[in-house]
Amino acid sequence: MQGRRADRVNTLIQEEISCLILQSVKDPRVRCATVTRVRVSEDLRHARVYIASIGGEEKQRQEALIGLKSAAGFLRGELGRRLCLRYIPELLFSLDDSLEQDLHMAELFRQIEATETKEQ
């Protein structure tokens, strides 16, 4: 269970990384990436950054992940300049598949609703 400080740091890092991706990262593979959430460890030394790719294709998602992993050092350095934290967490990037799961669940609900209306 994370505390309030960790929650604030999660939000702060998410906002800053999103801005950095849009404004400072020059890698074209990363342009389609969106930061969906950030989870820092209890000691604030590691941060797992979840990304979703707007393109949606698996190849584009993997390319965006590779691009972000290569830019992790740059992003961490920029976070160090922008944030007033004692330790800037090490950034670990992961793909977030919650959007696809949400779309799948919505489709299942539509199918259930369609079968129920046919039965009535």
PDB file of N, CA and C in Angstrom:
ATOM      1  N   MET A   1       0.836  -1.174   0.000  1.00  0.00           N
ATOM      2  CA  MET A   1       0.000   0.000   0.000  1.00  0.00           C
ATOM      3  C   MET A   1       0.883   1.239   0.000  1.00  0.00           C
ATOM      4  N   GLN A   2       0.605   2.125  -0.928  1.00  0.00           N
ATOM      5  CA  GLN A   2       1.411   3.311  -1.043  1.00  0.00           C
ATOM      6  C   GLN A   2       0.826   4.448  -0.223  1.00  0.00           C
ATOM      7  N   GLY A   3       1.723   5.295   0.256  1.00  0.00           N
ATOM      8  CA  GLY A   3       1.281   6.430   1.052  1.00  0.00           C
ATOM      9  C   GLY A   3       0.944   7.627   0.186  1.00  0.00           C
ATOM     10  N   ARG A   4       0.574   8.691   0.859  1.00  0.00           N
ATOM     11  CA  ARG A   4       0.192   9.912   0.138  1.00  0.00           C
ATOM     12  C   ARG A   4       1.365  10.518  -0.604  1.00  0.00           C
ATOM     13  N   ARG A   5       2.533  10.471  -0.015  1.00  0.00           N
ATOM     14  CA  ARG A   5       3.718  11.027  -0.686  1.00  0.00           C
ATOM     15  C   ARG A   5       4.005  10.270  -1.971  1.00  0.00           C
ATOM     16  N   ALA A   6       3.945   8.958  -1.917  1.00  0.00           N
ATOM     17  CA  ALA A   6       4.179   8.154  -3.118  1.00  0.00           C
ATOM     18  C   ALA A   6       3.134   8.464  -4.194  1.00  0.00           C
ATOM     19  N   ASP A   7       1.897   8.665  -3.788  1.00  0.00           N
ATOM     20  CA  ASP A   7       0.850   9.016  -4.752  1.00  0.00           C
ATOM     21  C   ASP A   7       1.132  10.368  -5.414  1.00  0.00           C
ATOM     22  N   ARG A   8       1.588  11.321  -4.630  1.00  0.00           N
ATOM     23  CA  ARG A   8       1.916  12.638  -5.184  1.00  0.00           C
ATOM     24  C   ARG A   8       3.100  12.543  -6.148  1.00  0.00           C
ATOM     25  N   VAL A   9       4.092  11.747  -5.773  1.00  0.00           N
ATOM     26  CA  VAL A   9       5.258  11.573  -6.643  1.00  0.00           C
ATOM     27  C   VAL A   9       4.849  10.848  -7.927  1.00  0.00           C
ATOM     28  N   ASN A  10       3.945   9.864  -7.812  1.00  0.00           N
ATOM     29  CA  ASN A  10       3.436   9.177  -9.008  1.00  0.00           C
ATOM     30  C   ASN A  10       2.854  10.179  -9.993  1.00  0.00           C
ATOM     31  N   THR A  11       1.982  11.032  -9.514  1.00  0.00           N
ATOM     32  CA  THR A  11       1.317  12.010 -10.368  1.00  0.00           C
ATOM     33  C   THR A  11       2.311  13.007 -10.950  1.00  0.00           C
ATOM     34  N   LEU A  12       3.229  13.470 -10.128  1.00  0.00           N
ATOM     35  CA  LEU A  12       4.223  14.440 -10.571  1.00  0.00           C
ATOM     36  C   LEU A  12       5.112  13.862 -11.670  1.00  0.00           C
ATOM     37  N   ILE A  13       5.580  12.642 -11.475  1.00  0.00           N
ATOM     38  CA  ILE A  13       6.440  12.005 -12.474  1.00  0.00           C
ATOM     39  C   ILE A  13       5.658  11.741 -13.757  1.00  0.00           C
ATOM     40  N   GLN A  14       4.415  11.320 -13.640  1.00  0.00           N
ATOM     41  CA  GLN A  14       3.600  11.069 -14.826  1.00  0.00           C
ATOM     42  C   GLN A  14       3.444  12.341 -15.662  1.00  0.00           C
ATOM     43  N   GLU A  15       3.135  13.448 -15.005  1.00  0.00           N
ATOM     44  CA  GLU A  15       2.971  14.719 -15.717  1.00  0.00           C
ATOM     45  C   GLU A  15       4.264  15.163 -16.387  1.00  0.00           C
ATOM     46  N   GLU A  16       5.366  15.064 -15.671  1.00  0.00           N
ATOM     47  CA  GLU A  16       6.645  15.529 -16.211  1.00  0.00           C
ATOM     48  C   GLU A  16       7.116  14.654 -17.370  1.00  0.00           C
ATOM     49  N   ILE A  17       6.986  13.342 -17.233  1.00  0.00           N
ATOM     50  CA  ILE A  17       7.413  12.456 -18.320  1.00  0.00           C
ATOM     51  C   ILE A  17       6.533  12.668 -19.548  1.00  0.00           C
ATOM     52  N   SER A  18       5.246  12.874 -19.354  1.00  0.00           N
ATOM     53  CA  SER A  18       4.359  13.146 -20.487  1.00  0.00           C
ATOM     54  C   SER A  18       4.795  14.409 -21.224  1.00  0.00           C
ATOM     55  N   CYS A  19       5.098  15.454 -20.472  1.00  0.00           N
ATOM     56  CA  CYS A  19       5.568  16.703 -21.094  1.00  0.00           C
ATOM     57  C   CYS A  19       6.898  16.500 -21.809  1.00  0.00           C
ATOM     58  N   LEU A  20       7.796  15.770 -21.183  1.00  0.00           N
ATOM     59  CA  LEU A  20       9.102  15.535 -21.797  1.00  0.00           C
ATOM     60  C   LEU A  20       8.977  14.744 -23.096  1.00  0.00           C
ATOM     61  N   ILE A  21       8.103  13.744 -23.114  1.00  0.00           N
ATOM     62  CA  ILE A  21       7.918  12.957 -24.334  1.00  0.00           C
ATOM     63  C   ILE A  21       7.410  13.847 -25.460  1.00  0.00           C
ATOM     64  N   LEU A  22       6.475  14.715 -25.148  1.00  0.00           N
ATOM     65  CA  LEU A  22       5.915  15.591 -26.171  1.00  0.00           C
ATOM     66  C   LEU A  22       6.888  16.661 -26.649  1.00  0.00           C
ATOM     67  N   GLN A  23       7.690  17.203 -25.737  1.00  0.00           N
ATOM     68  CA  GLN A  23       8.481  18.384 -26.068  1.00  0.00           C
ATOM     69  C   GLN A  23       9.958  18.118 -26.306  1.00  0.00           C
ATOM     70  N   SER A  24      10.542  17.159 -25.612  1.00  0.00           N
ATOM     71  CA  SER A  24      11.999  17.056 -25.615  1.00  0.00           C
ATOM     72  C   SER A  24      12.558  15.798 -26.266  1.00  0.00           C
ATOM     73  N   VAL A  25      11.842  14.707 -26.233  1.00  0.00           N
ATOM     74  CA  VAL A  25      12.373  13.465 -26.789  1.00  0.00           C
ATOM     75  C   VAL A  25      12.269  13.534 -28.305  1.00  0.00           C
ATOM     76  N   LYS A  26      13.378  13.338 -28.987  1.00  0.00           N
ATOM     77  CA  LYS A  26      13.433  13.466 -30.438  1.00  0.00           C
ATOM     78  C   LYS A  26      13.168  12.149 -31.168  1.00  0.00           C
ATOM     79  N   ASP A  27      13.142  11.046 -30.467  1.00  0.00           N
ATOM     80  CA  ASP A  27      12.950   9.736 -31.085  1.00  0.00           C
ATOM     81  C   ASP A  27      11.540   9.624 -31.664  1.00  0.00           C
ATOM     82  N   PRO A  28      11.395   9.408 -32.968  1.00  0.00           N
ATOM     83  CA  PRO A  28      10.052   9.334 -33.569  1.00  0.00           C
ATOM     84  C   PRO A  28       9.243   8.115 -33.118  1.00  0.00           C
ATOM     85  N   ARG A  29       9.894   7.078 -32.609  1.00  0.00           N
ATOM     86  CA  ARG A  29       9.170   5.893 -32.134  1.00  0.00           C
ATOM     87  C   ARG A  29       8.330   6.210 -30.902  1.00  0.00           C
ATOM     88  N   VAL A  30       8.725   7.228 -30.168  1.00  0.00           N
ATOM     89  CA  VAL A  30       8.111   7.546 -28.882  1.00  0.00           C
ATOM     90  C   VAL A  30       6.917   8.485 -29.024  1.00  0.00           C
ATOM     91  N   ARG A  31       6.756   9.109 -30.163  1.00  0.00           N
ATOM     92  CA  ARG A  31       5.697  10.103 -30.354  1.00  0.00           C
ATOM     93  C   ARG A  31       4.299   9.545 -30.128  1.00  0.00           C
ATOM     94  N   CYS A  32       4.089   8.278 -30.378  1.00  0.00           N
ATOM     95  CA  CYS A  32       2.748   7.702 -30.229  1.00  0.00           C
ATOM     96  C   CYS A  32       2.514   7.131 -28.830  1.00  0.00           C
ATOM     97  N   ALA A  33       3.462   7.297 -27.929  1.00  0.00           N
ATOM     98  CA  ALA A  33       3.351   6.735 -26.580  1.00  0.00           C
ATOM     99  C   ALA A  33       2.642   7.696 -25.631  1.00  0.00           C
ATOM    100  N   THR A  34       1.796   7.139 -24.787  1.00  0.00           N
ATOM    101  CA  THR A  34       1.093   7.906 -23.774  1.00  0.00           C
ATOM    102  C   THR A  34       1.367   7.280 -22.411  1.00  0.00           C
ATOM    103  N   VAL A  35       1.722   8.090 -21.449  1.00  0.00           N
ATOM    104  CA  VAL A  35       1.954   7.597 -20.093  1.00  0.00           C
ATOM    105  C   VAL A  35       0.595   7.455 -19.411  1.00  0.00           C
ATOM    106  N   THR A  36       0.237   6.224 -19.046  1.00  0.00           N
ATOM    107  CA  THR A  36      -1.066   5.989 -18.433  1.00  0.00           C
ATOM    108  C   THR A  36      -1.015   6.045 -16.916  1.00  0.00           C
ATOM    109  N   ARG A  37       0.087   5.598 -16.330  1.00  0.00           N
ATOM    110  CA  ARG A  37       0.224   5.665 -14.875  1.00  0.00           C
ATOM    111  C   ARG A  37       1.677   5.418 -14.499  1.00  0.00           C
ATOM    112  N   VAL A  38       2.007   5.787 -13.278  1.00  0.00           N
ATOM    113  CA  VAL A  38       3.353   5.597 -12.734  1.00  0.00           C
ATOM    114  C   VAL A  38       3.203   5.034 -11.333  1.00  0.00           C
ATOM    115  N   ARG A  39       4.015   4.066 -10.997  1.00  0.00           N
ATOM    116  CA  ARG A  39       4.036   3.484  -9.652  1.00  0.00           C
ATOM    117  C   ARG A  39       5.459   3.520  -9.131  1.00  0.00           C
ATOM    118  N   VAL A  40       5.674   4.280  -8.064  1.00  0.00           N
ATOM    119  CA  VAL A  40       7.002   4.334  -7.455  1.00  0.00           C
ATOM    120  C   VAL A  40       7.062   3.344  -6.297  1.00  0.00           C
ATOM    121  N   SER A  41       8.267   2.882  -6.002  1.00  0.00           N
ATOM    122  CA  SER A  41       8.460   1.981  -4.873  1.00  0.00           C
ATOM    123  C   SER A  41       8.324   2.769  -3.582  1.00  0.00           C
ATOM    124  N   GLU A  42       8.212   2.067  -2.486  1.00  0.00           N
ATOM    125  CA  GLU A  42       8.031   2.720  -1.186  1.00  0.00           C
ATOM    126  C   GLU A  42       9.199   3.636  -0.833  1.00  0.00           C
ATOM    127  N   ASP A  43      10.410   3.245  -1.224  1.00  0.00           N
ATOM    128  CA  ASP A  43      11.567   4.087  -0.916  1.00  0.00           C
ATOM    129  C   ASP A  43      11.825   5.153  -1.986  1.00  0.00           C
ATOM    130  N   LEU A  44      10.957   5.244  -2.990  1.00  0.00           N
ATOM    131  CA  LEU A  44      11.015   6.227  -4.061  1.00  0.00           C
ATOM    132  C   LEU A  44      12.286   6.111  -4.896  1.00  0.00           C
ATOM    133  N   ARG A  45      12.883   4.937  -4.955  1.00  0.00           N
ATOM    134  CA  ARG A  45      14.109   4.730  -5.726  1.00  0.00           C
ATOM    135  C   ARG A  45      13.835   4.191  -7.133  1.00  0.00           C
ATOM    136  N   HIS A  46      12.698   3.522  -7.330  1.00  0.00           N
ATOM    137  CA  HIS A  46      12.346   2.942  -8.633  1.00  0.00           C
ATOM    138  C   HIS A  46      10.943   3.391  -9.007  1.00  0.00           C
ATOM    139  N   ALA A  47      10.744   3.639 -10.279  1.00  0.00           N
ATOM    140  CA  ALA A  47       9.425   4.018 -10.769  1.00  0.00           C
ATOM    141  C   ALA A  47       9.106   3.185 -12.004  1.00  0.00           C
ATOM    142  N   ARG A  48       7.990   2.490 -11.955  1.00  0.00           N
ATOM    143  CA  ARG A  48       7.516   1.745 -13.119  1.00  0.00           C
ATOM    144  C   ARG A  48       6.546   2.659 -13.859  1.00  0.00           C
ATOM    145  N   VAL A  49       6.878   2.942 -15.118  1.00  0.00           N
ATOM    146  CA  VAL A  49       6.093   3.842 -15.950  1.00  0.00           C
ATOM    147  C   VAL A  49       5.345   2.989 -16.964  1.00  0.00           C
ATOM    148  N   TYR A  50       4.020   3.035 -16.906  1.00  0.00           N
ATOM    149  CA  TYR A  50       3.187   2.260 -17.824  1.00  0.00           C
ATOM    150  C   TYR A  50       2.805   3.139 -19.002  1.00  0.00           C
ATOM    151  N   ILE A  51       3.027   2.594 -20.201  1.00  0.00           N
ATOM    152  CA  ILE A  51       2.714   3.357 -21.405  1.00  0.00           C
ATOM    153  C   ILE A  51       1.731   2.587 -22.268  1.00  0.00           C
ATOM    154  N   ALA A  52       0.953   3.344 -23.003  1.00  0.00           N
ATOM    155  CA  ALA A  52       0.065   2.783 -24.017  1.00  0.00           C
ATOM    156  C   ALA A  52       0.398   3.490 -25.319  1.00  0.00           C
ATOM    157  N   SER A  53       0.376   2.737 -26.389  1.00  0.00           N
ATOM    158  CA  SER A  53       0.682   3.308 -27.688  1.00  0.00           C
ATOM    159  C   SER A  53      -0.613   3.613 -28.406  1.00  0.00           C
ATOM    160  N   ILE A  54      -0.717   4.810 -28.930  1.00  0.00           N
ATOM    161  CA  ILE A  54      -1.930   5.235 -29.607  1.00  0.00           C
ATOM    162  C   ILE A  54      -2.143   4.438 -30.882  1.00  0.00           C
ATOM    163  N   GLY A  55      -1.054   4.044 -31.553  1.00  0.00           N
ATOM    164  CA  GLY A  55      -1.162   3.295 -32.803  1.00  0.00           C
ATOM    165  C   GLY A  55      -1.897   1.983 -32.637  1.00  0.00           C
ATOM    166  N   GLY A  56      -1.676   1.305 -31.548  1.00  0.00           N
ATOM    167  CA  GLY A  56      -2.400   0.093 -31.240  1.00  0.00           C
ATOM    168  C   GLY A  56      -1.777  -1.179 -31.777  1.00  0.00           C
ATOM    169  N   GLU A  57      -0.980  -1.105 -32.840  1.00  0.00           N
ATOM    170  CA  GLU A  57      -0.366  -2.306 -33.372  1.00  0.00           C
ATOM    171  C   GLU A  57       0.760  -2.754 -32.440  1.00  0.00           C
ATOM    172  N   GLU A  58       0.935  -4.051 -32.357  1.00  0.00           N
ATOM    173  CA  GLU A  58       1.933  -4.615 -31.441  1.00  0.00           C
ATOM    174  C   GLU A  58       3.339  -4.138 -31.800  1.00  0.00           C
ATOM    175  N   LYS A  59       3.635  -4.063 -33.085  1.00  0.00           N
ATOM    176  CA  LYS A  59       4.969  -3.630 -33.497  1.00  0.00           C
ATOM    177  C   LYS A  59       5.224  -2.192 -33.057  1.00  0.00           C
ATOM    178  N   GLN A  60       4.237  -1.303 -33.216  1.00  0.00           N
ATOM    179  CA  GLN A  60       4.402   0.087 -32.795  1.00  0.00           C
ATOM    180  C   GLN A  60       4.554   0.188 -31.291  1.00  0.00           C
ATOM    181  N   ARG A  61       3.819  -0.631 -30.564  1.00  0.00           N
ATOM    182  CA  ARG A  61       3.926  -0.608 -29.108  1.00  0.00           C
ATOM    183  C   ARG A  61       5.316  -1.036 -28.663  1.00  0.00           C
ATOM    184  N   GLN A  62       5.845  -2.082 -29.270  1.00  0.00           N
ATOM    185  CA  GLN A  62       7.185  -2.555 -28.909  1.00  0.00           C
ATOM    186  C   GLN A  62       8.255  -1.532 -29.281  1.00  0.00           C
ATOM    187  N   GLU A  63       8.092  -0.887 -30.444  1.00  0.00           N
ATOM    188  CA  GLU A  63       9.049   0.143 -30.857  1.00  0.00           C
ATOM    189  C   GLU A  63       9.029   1.326 -29.889  1.00  0.00           C
ATOM    190  N   ALA A  64       7.836   1.732 -29.463  1.00  0.00           N
ATOM    191  CA  ALA A  64       7.730   2.832 -28.498  1.00  0.00           C
ATOM    192  C   ALA A  64       8.401   2.448 -27.188  1.00  0.00           C
ATOM    193  N   LEU A  65       8.219   1.210 -26.750  1.00  0.00           N
ATOM    194  CA  LEU A  65       8.843   0.741 -25.514  1.00  0.00           C
ATOM    195  C   LEU A  65      10.364   0.741 -25.641  1.00  0.00           C
ATOM    196  N   ILE A  66      10.878   0.288 -26.771  1.00  0.00           N
ATOM    197  CA  ILE A  66      12.324   0.290 -26.992  1.00  0.00           C
ATOM    198  C   ILE A  66      12.859   1.722 -27.008  1.00  0.00           C
ATOM    199  N   GLY A  67      12.136   2.617 -27.662  1.00  0.00           N
ATOM    200  CA  GLY A  67      12.551   4.019 -27.702  1.00  0.00           C
ATOM    201  C   GLY A  67      12.580   4.654 -26.329  1.00  0.00           C
ATOM    202  N   LEU A  68      11.585   4.355 -25.512  1.00  0.00           N
ATOM    203  CA  LEU A  68      11.557   4.922 -24.162  1.00  0.00           C
ATOM    204  C   LEU A  68      12.644   4.335 -23.279  1.00  0.00           C
ATOM    205  N   LYS A  69      12.914   3.053 -23.448  1.00  0.00           N
ATOM    206  CA  LYS A  69      13.999   2.450 -22.659  1.00  0.00           C
ATOM    207  C   LYS A  69      15.342   3.080 -23.024  1.00  0.00           C
ATOM    208  N   SER A  70      15.525   3.403 -24.299  1.00  0.00           N
ATOM    209  CA  SER A  70      16.786   4.034 -24.683  1.00  0.00           C
ATOM    210  C   SER A  70      16.855   5.493 -24.210  1.00  0.00           C
ATOM    211  N   ALA A  71      15.716   6.124 -24.020  1.00  0.00           N
ATOM    212  CA  ALA A  71      15.684   7.512 -23.554  1.00  0.00           C
ATOM    213  C   ALA A  71      15.559   7.614 -22.035  1.00  0.00           C
ATOM    214  N   ALA A  72      15.592   6.496 -21.328  1.00  0.00           N
ATOM    215  CA  ALA A  72      15.378   6.502 -19.877  1.00  0.00           C
ATOM    216  C   ALA A  72      16.402   7.362 -19.148  1.00  0.00           C
ATOM    217  N   GLY A  73      17.654   7.300 -19.538  1.00  0.00           N
ATOM    218  CA  GLY A  73      18.690   8.110 -18.890  1.00  0.00           C
ATOM    219  C   GLY A  73      18.449   9.598 -19.090  1.00  0.00           C
ATOM    220  N   PHE A  74      18.103   9.978 -20.312  1.00  0.00           N
ATOM    221  CA  PHE A  74      17.787  11.377 -20.596  1.00  0.00           C
ATOM    222  C   PHE A  74      16.592  11.834 -19.773  1.00  0.00           C
ATOM    223  N   LEU A  75      15.534  11.018 -19.748  1.00  0.00           N
ATOM    224  CA  LEU A  75      14.326  11.378 -19.001  1.00  0.00           C
ATOM    225  C   LEU A  75      14.619  11.515 -17.511  1.00  0.00           C
ATOM    226  N   ARG A  76      15.421  10.617 -16.978  1.00  0.00           N
ATOM    227  CA  ARG A  76      15.754  10.680 -15.555  1.00  0.00           C
ATOM    228  C   ARG A  76      16.563  11.934 -15.241  1.00  0.00           C
ATOM    229  N   GLY A  77      17.490  12.281 -16.130  1.00  0.00           N
ATOM    230  CA  GLY A  77      18.270  13.504 -15.935  1.00  0.00           C
ATOM    231  C   GLY A  77      17.397  14.752 -15.961  1.00  0.00           C
ATOM    232  N   GLU A  78      16.453  14.784 -16.895  1.00  0.00           N
ATOM    233  CA  GLU A  78      15.550  15.920 -16.979  1.00  0.00           C
ATOM    234  C   GLU A  78      14.635  15.991 -15.751  1.00  0.00           C
ATOM    235  N   LEU A  79      14.194  14.836 -15.268  1.00  0.00           N
ATOM    236  CA  LEU A  79      13.392  14.831 -14.040  1.00  0.00           C
ATOM    237  C   LEU A  79      14.202  15.395 -12.878  1.00  0.00           C
ATOM    238  N   GLY A  80      15.482  15.052 -12.831  1.00  0.00           N
ATOM    239  CA  GLY A  80      16.349  15.575 -11.780  1.00  0.00           C
ATOM    240  C   GLY A  80      16.455  17.086 -11.817  1.00  0.00           C
ATOM    241  N   ARG A  81      16.454  17.659 -13.019  1.00  0.00           N
ATOM    242  CA  ARG A  81      16.532  19.116 -13.148  1.00  0.00           C
ATOM    243  C   ARG A  81      15.208  19.792 -12.803  1.00  0.00           C
ATOM    244  N   ARG A  82      14.097  19.105 -13.068  1.00  0.00           N
ATOM    245  CA  ARG A  82      12.781  19.721 -12.902  1.00  0.00           C
ATOM    246  C   ARG A  82      12.150  19.497 -11.527  1.00  0.00           C
ATOM    247  N   LEU A  83      12.468  18.388 -10.888  1.00  0.00           N
ATOM    248  CA  LEU A  83      11.801  18.030  -9.630  1.00  0.00           C
ATOM    249  C   LEU A  83      12.726  18.265  -8.450  1.00  0.00           C
ATOM    250  N   CYS A  84      12.141  18.609  -7.332  1.00  0.00           N
ATOM    251  CA  CYS A  84      12.899  18.798  -6.096  1.00  0.00           C
ATOM    252  C   CYS A  84      12.757  17.552  -5.232  1.00  0.00           C
ATOM    253  N   LEU A  85      13.440  16.498  -5.644  1.00  0.00           N
ATOM    254  CA  LEU A  85      13.427  15.254  -4.883  1.00  0.00           C
ATOM    255  C   LEU A  85      14.862  14.907  -4.495  1.00  0.00           C
ATOM    256  N   ARG A  86      15.010  14.280  -3.369  1.00  0.00           N
ATOM    257  CA  ARG A  86      16.340  13.872  -2.936  1.00  0.00           C
ATOM    258  C   ARG A  86      16.915  12.826  -3.884  1.00  0.00           C
ATOM    259  N   TYR A  87      16.077  11.835  -4.249  1.00  0.00           N
ATOM    260  CA  TYR A  87      16.489  10.787  -5.171  1.00  0.00           C
ATOM    261  C   TYR A  87      15.528  10.774  -6.347  1.00  0.00           C
ATOM    262  N   ILE A  88      16.082  10.782  -7.532  1.00  0.00           N
ATOM    263  CA  ILE A  88      15.262  10.636  -8.727  1.00  0.00           C
ATOM    264  C   ILE A  88      15.179   9.144  -9.002  1.00  0.00           C
ATOM    265  N   PRO A  89      13.974   8.603  -9.095  1.00  0.00           N
ATOM    266  CA  PRO A  89      13.850   7.152  -9.251  1.00  0.00           C
ATOM    267  C   PRO A  89      14.367   6.652 -10.595  1.00  0.00           C
ATOM    268  N   GLU A  90      14.854   5.432 -10.564  1.00  0.00           N
ATOM    269  CA  GLU A  90      15.234   4.745 -11.800  1.00  0.00           C
ATOM    270  C   GLU A  90      13.943   4.429 -12.549  1.00  0.00           C
ATOM    271  N   LEU A  91      13.905   4.708 -13.832  1.00  0.00           N
ATOM    272  CA  LEU A  91      12.684   4.546 -14.618  1.00  0.00           C
ATOM    273  C   LEU A  91      12.668   3.188 -15.317  1.00  0.00           C
ATOM    274  N   LEU A  92      11.611   2.444 -15.094  1.00  0.00           N
ATOM    275  CA  LEU A  92      11.395   1.157 -15.739  1.00  0.00           C
ATOM    276  C   LEU A  92      10.104   1.258 -16.539  1.00  0.00           C
ATOM    277  N   PHE A  93      10.174   1.022 -17.832  1.00  0.00           N
ATOM    278  CA  PHE A  93       9.011   1.181 -18.692  1.00  0.00           C
ATOM    279  C   PHE A  93       8.354  -0.165 -18.964  1.00  0.00           C
ATOM    280  N   SER A  94       7.016  -0.169 -18.943  1.00  0.00           N
ATOM    281  CA  SER A  94       6.220  -1.362 -19.227  1.00  0.00           C
ATOM    282  C   SER A  94       5.029  -0.968 -20.087  1.00  0.00           C
ATOM    283  N   LEU A  95       4.587  -1.914 -20.900  1.00  0.00           N
ATOM    284  CA  LEU A  95       3.387  -1.682 -21.692  1.00  0.00           C
ATOM    285  C   LEU A  95       2.159  -1.849 -20.815  1.00  0.00           C
ATOM    286  N   ASP A  96       1.202  -0.965 -20.998  1.00  0.00           N
ATOM    287  CA  ASP A  96      -0.057  -1.016 -20.251  1.00  0.00           C
ATOM    288  C   ASP A  96      -1.132  -1.550 -21.186  1.00  0.00           C
ATOM    289  N   ASP A  97      -1.646  -2.708 -20.864  1.00  0.00           N
ATOM    290  CA  ASP A  97      -2.669  -3.313 -21.719  1.00  0.00           C
ATOM    291  C   ASP A  97      -4.076  -3.139 -21.143  1.00  0.00           C
ATOM    292  N   SER A  98      -4.229  -2.249 -20.197  1.00  0.00           N
ATOM    293  CA  SER A  98      -5.543  -2.061 -19.574  1.00  0.00           C
ATOM    294  C   SER A  98      -6.556  -1.476 -20.559  1.00  0.00           C
ATOM    295  N   LEU A  99      -6.097  -0.659 -21.507  1.00  0.00           N
ATOM    296  CA  LEU A  99      -7.011  -0.100 -22.495  1.00  0.00           C
ATOM    297  C   LEU A  99      -7.606  -1.202 -23.369  1.00  0.00           C
ATOM    298  N   GLU A 100      -6.766  -2.140 -23.802  1.00  0.00           N
ATOM    299  CA  GLU A 100      -7.265  -3.252 -24.607  1.00  0.00           C
ATOM    300  C   GLU A 100      -8.221  -4.126 -23.788  1.00  0.00           C
ATOM    301  N   GLN A 101      -7.906  -4.326 -22.522  1.00  0.00           N
ATOM    302  CA  GLN A 101      -8.789  -5.116 -21.661  1.00  0.00           C
ATOM    303  C   GLN A 101     -10.130  -4.415 -21.483  1.00  0.00           C
ATOM    304  N   ASP A 102     -10.108  -3.094 -21.311  1.00  0.00           N
ATOM    305  CA  ASP A 102     -11.355  -2.342 -21.176  1.00  0.00           C
ATOM    306  C   ASP A 102     -12.203  -2.432 -22.440  1.00  0.00           C
ATOM    307  N   LEU A 103     -11.569  -2.326 -23.591  1.00  0.00           N
ATOM    308  CA  LEU A 103     -12.301  -2.436 -24.852  1.00  0.00           C
ATOM    309  C   LEU A 103     -12.882  -3.832 -25.034  1.00  0.00           C
ATOM    310  N   HIS A 104     -12.132  -4.844 -24.634  1.00  0.00           N
ATOM    311  CA  HIS A 104     -12.614  -6.224 -24.713  1.00  0.00           C
ATOM    312  C   HIS A 104     -13.815  -6.436 -23.791  1.00  0.00           C
ATOM    313  N   MET A 105     -13.734  -5.898 -22.582  1.00  0.00           N
ATOM    314  CA  MET A 105     -14.853  -6.034 -21.646  1.00  0.00           C
ATOM    315  C   MET A 105     -16.088  -5.303 -22.166  1.00  0.00           C
ATOM    316  N   ALA A 106     -15.904  -4.139 -22.752  1.00  0.00           N
ATOM    317  CA  ALA A 106     -17.034  -3.393 -23.309  1.00  0.00           C
ATOM    318  C   ALA A 106     -17.687  -4.180 -24.436  1.00  0.00           C
ATOM    319  N   GLU A 107     -16.878  -4.827 -25.253  1.00  0.00           N
ATOM    320  CA  GLU A 107     -17.425  -5.647 -26.339  1.00  0.00           C
ATOM    321  C   GLU A 107     -18.201  -6.839 -25.780  1.00  0.00           C
ATOM    322  N   LEU A 108     -17.684  -7.451 -24.733  1.00  0.00           N
ATOM    323  CA  LEU A 108     -18.402  -8.571 -24.109  1.00  0.00           C
ATOM    324  C   LEU A 108     -19.743  -8.114 -23.538  1.00  0.00           C
ATOM    325  N   PHE A 109     -19.760  -6.948 -22.910  1.00  0.00           N
ATOM    326  CA  PHE A 109     -21.019  -6.425 -22.375  1.00  0.00           C
ATOM    327  C   PHE A 109     -22.017  -6.134 -23.487  1.00  0.00           C
ATOM    328  N   ARG A 110     -21.521  -5.616 -24.612  1.00  0.00           N
ATOM    329  CA  ARG A 110     -22.413  -5.372 -25.754  1.00  0.00           C
ATOM    330  C   ARG A 110     -22.999  -6.676 -26.285  1.00  0.00           C
ATOM    331  N   GLN A 111     -22.177  -7.712 -26.326  1.00  0.00           N
ATOM    332  CA  GLN A 111     -22.661  -9.013 -26.801  1.00  0.00           C
ATOM    333  C   GLN A 111     -23.711  -9.585 -25.854  1.00  0.00           C
ATOM    334  N   ILE A 112     -23.487  -9.456 -24.561  1.00  0.00           N
ATOM    335  CA  ILE A 112     -24.459  -9.948 -23.583  1.00  0.00           C
ATOM    336  C   ILE A 112     -25.768  -9.181 -23.718  1.00  0.00           C
ATOM    337  N   GLU A 113     -25.662  -7.879 -23.855  1.00  0.00           N
ATOM    338  CA  GLU A 113     -26.868  -7.062 -24.005  1.00  0.00           C
ATOM    339  C   GLU A 113     -27.610  -7.418 -25.283  1.00  0.00           C
ATOM    340  N   ALA A 114     -26.894  -7.687 -26.349  1.00  0.00           N
ATOM    341  CA  ALA A 114     -27.548  -8.040 -27.618  1.00  0.00           C
ATOM    342  C   ALA A 114     -28.258  -9.389 -27.507  1.00  0.00           C
ATOM    343  N   THR A 115     -27.659 -10.351 -26.838  1.00  0.00           N
ATOM    344  CA  THR A 115     -28.311 -11.654 -26.679  1.00  0.00           C
ATOM    345  C   THR A 115     -29.526 -11.558 -25.770  1.00  0.00           C
ATOM    346  N   GLU A 116     -29.460 -10.711 -24.745  1.00  0.00           N
ATOM    347  CA  GLU A 116     -30.599 -10.546 -23.855  1.00  0.00           C
ATOM    348  C   GLU A 116     -31.767  -9.877 -24.562  1.00  0.00           C
ATOM    349  N   THR A 117     -31.505  -8.916 -25.426  1.00  0.00           N
ATOM    350  CA  THR A 117     -32.596  -8.264 -26.143  1.00  0.00           C
ATOM    351  C   THR A 117     -33.196  -9.191 -27.199  1.00  0.00           C
ATOM    352  N   LYS A 118     -32.408 -10.104 -27.744  1.00  0.00           N
ATOM    353  CA  LYS A 118     -32.937 -11.079 -28.704  1.00  0.00           C
ATOM    354  C   LYS A 118     -33.836 -12.091 -28.007  1.00  0.00           C
ATOM    355  N   GLU A 119     -33.492 -12.463 -26.780  1.00  0.00           N
ATOM    356  CA  GLU A 119     -34.268 -13.448 -26.044  1.00  0.00           C
ATOM    357  C   GLU A 119     -35.611 -12.884 -25.584  1.00  0.00           C
ATOM    358  N   GLN A 120     -35.739 -11.604 -25.423  1.00  0.00           N
ATOM    359  CA  GLN A 120     -36.984 -11.014 -24.921  1.00  0.00           C
ATOM    360  C   GLN A 120     -37.927 -10.731 -25.995  1.00  0.00           C
TER     361      GLN A 120
END
